[in-house]
Amino acid sequence: MLNVVSIIIGLVALLFAIPAFLPVLALAYYLIIPLAIIGAVIGAASSSNAGRNLNLFVIVVGVLRLMLTGGFF
């Protein structure tokens, strides 16, 4: 059950992360990354790894996006 919740949180974070690739919306990652961290923690508590891995992917993409643009663009 926790894995399903983690996957849902990861999908929501991923759906918000897709339009945040636009230069104007990059600051949204400051809200997306903590959401994905919550999903990764919930996924780590479950017996399966799918939800945790999805959230870790969103976190990595968000952090790389913020690092490449200096956190603003």
Protein backbone atom coordinates (compact mmCIF):
# COMPACT_ATOMS: atom_id res chain seq x y z
CA MET A 1 0.00 0.00 0.00
CA LEU A 2 2.83 2.41 0.80
CA ASN A 3 4.37 1.70 -2.59
CA VAL A 4 1.16 2.75 -4.36
CA VAL A 5 1.06 5.99 -2.37
CA SER A 6 4.71 6.63 -3.22
CA ILE A 7 4.07 6.02 -6.93
CA ILE A 8 1.11 8.41 -6.90
CA ILE A 9 3.20 11.11 -5.21
CA GLY A 10 5.99 10.48 -7.72
CA LEU A 11 3.63 10.77 -10.68
CA VAL A 12 2.19 14.02 -9.34
CA ALA A 13 5.70 15.40 -8.85
CA LEU A 14 6.68 14.25 -12.34
CA LEU A 15 3.61 15.88 -13.88
CA PHE A 16 4.53 19.16 -12.18
CA ALA A 17 8.18 18.75 -13.22
CA ILE A 18 7.44 18.47 -16.94
CA PRO A 19 6.20 22.06 -17.43
CA ALA A 20 8.82 23.31 -14.95
CA PHE A 21 11.44 22.68 -17.65
CA LEU A 22 10.30 25.96 -19.19
CA PRO A 23 12.64 28.76 -18.15
CA VAL A 24 9.93 30.84 -16.50
CA LEU A 25 8.67 27.98 -14.29
CA ALA A 26 12.00 26.62 -13.04
CA LEU A 27 11.41 27.93 -9.52
CA ALA A 28 8.65 25.34 -9.20
CA TYR A 29 11.37 22.78 -8.54
CA TYR A 30 11.75 24.24 -5.07
CA LEU A 31 8.27 22.81 -4.38
CA ILE A 32 8.60 19.67 -6.50
CA ILE A 33 11.80 18.39 -4.87
CA PRO A 34 10.41 18.36 -1.29
CA LEU A 35 7.27 16.61 -2.58
CA ALA A 36 9.43 13.94 -4.22
CA ILE A 37 11.49 13.59 -1.03
CA ILE A 38 8.31 12.84 0.91
CA GLY A 39 7.39 10.26 -1.74
CA ALA A 40 10.86 8.70 -1.55
CA VAL A 41 10.62 8.38 2.23
CA ILE A 42 7.23 6.71 1.93
CA GLY A 43 8.62 4.46 -0.83
CA ALA A 44 11.58 3.50 1.34
CA ALA A 45 9.17 2.28 4.01
CA SER A 46 7.47 -0.11 1.58
CA SER A 47 8.67 -3.53 0.51
CA SER A 48 8.96 -2.63 -3.19
CA ASN A 49 11.39 -0.20 -4.80
CA ALA A 50 9.34 1.18 -7.70
CA GLY A 51 7.89 4.20 -5.90
CA ARG A 52 11.17 5.09 -4.26
CA ASN A 53 13.03 4.86 -7.55
CA LEU A 54 10.48 7.05 -9.33
CA ASN A 55 10.77 9.73 -6.68
CA LEU A 56 14.57 9.53 -6.69
CA PHE A 57 14.48 10.07 -10.46
CA VAL A 58 12.34 13.19 -10.03
CA ILE A 59 14.68 14.47 -7.32
CA VAL A 60 17.78 13.95 -9.49
CA VAL A 61 16.17 15.63 -12.51
CA GLY A 62 15.07 18.58 -10.38
CA VAL A 63 18.42 19.06 -8.69
CA LEU A 64 20.29 18.82 -11.99
CA ARG A 65 17.90 21.33 -13.58
CA LEU A 66 18.44 23.78 -10.75
CA MET A 67 22.22 23.26 -10.76
CA LEU A 68 22.54 23.83 -14.51
CA THR A 69 20.59 27.08 -14.43
CA GLY A 70 21.91 28.49 -11.19
CA GLY A 71 18.61 27.97 -9.37
CA PHE A 72 16.67 30.78 -11.01
CA PHE A 73 15.97 30.13 -14.67
